[in-house]
Amino acid sequence: MHASLWNGSGIILIDKPRGPSSHQVTAWVGALLGCRVGHSGTLDPQVSGVLLVMLGNAVRLAPLLLKHDKEYVCLMRLHADVARERVEQVAQEFSGKIYQRPPRKSAVKRSLRIRSIHCIEILDVHNRCVLFRVQCDAGTYIRSLCHHMGLALGTGAHMQELRRTRSGTFGEHMAHTLHDLSDACIRSAEGDGAPLRSMILPVDAAVPDLPRITIRDTAVDAICHGAQLSGVGIDSCDPFTKGTTVAVLSRNNEFICLGTALLSSSEFTPGTTGLVIAPTVVFMKPGTYARGWKKAKNKETDAAIAKR
């Protein structure tokens, strides 16, 4: 695809196949859509499953998305016979906080780290093959987990196959294959953009748990230019505390930016003066909404505060 089929921001969940790297898959998505792309949570070439690909300005979400908890289904091969009861016992022993050092094959520094295993569920044991589901912190190495479980069992073990089934709130049932995306792009190029639009999630889908602030239309463009938000520009908001990361939306429920609360929601009333939110990552393009603020003559105050 040579023409750009997607000009906005968004997220698409790709069901990464085994073989290509996460970088290659992401590059293919970018080539199909003709837009800037990035991915969150690298999967090794031989690992399949949920890969979050960020489109356009959504690449700025990477620091948040990288922190998402993950879920995997893993096939571990033991190096000797072990009773299922013993396997389940050892699996429970690995629940909670564990120490890990990244494998030699990893691209990061091999420093000791602490990660939390929220749950390990043994799904099946057949001969020396153990199928299990694990819910864990971001940055947990399942290859290392298999190795350490094998040591605890006294048999040795290695990871034979791995699939990521969830990243944050995004499950594998929401993911699309590269073939599906390619077909949708062809239809979009032919004039039917509905299949492609149905695949792309709005940016705010990545931050469903953040407190939300709805602002007036006249305050939107100032925020897009980096201005801080005062209470005058706020229509309504969820409860939040000082220092909290919040999602700022328009009255039409469009995601404008992420911001840091300069005070708690109990310290102001929507419609009153005083700075409330400092934007940190802006997703909406300036000019999307009509300008509702006047440019200050003094250059030092040129970044007008969104008070209107």
Foldseek 3Di string as FASTA:
>chain_A
DQDALDDAKFKFKAFAAAADWLVVVLVLLCRLRVFDKDWEATDGNRETETIIIITDLLVVCRVVLLFWKWKKKFKKFWQAFDDPVVLVVLQVVQAAKDWAFDDPPDPDHRDIDIWGWHDKAFDDDDGRITIIMTIITRPDDVQRVSQVSNVVRVTGMGTDYMYIQDTHPDGRVLHDYPVQLNVLSVVVVVPDNVSVVVRTHASCVSPVPFKEWEFELQLQLLVLVQAFEWLLGTDDIDWDAAQGWHWYAYPVRHTFAIWGFNGTPVVDHRNDGDTTTGGDRTRDHRPPGDHNDDQDPDPVCRSPHRND
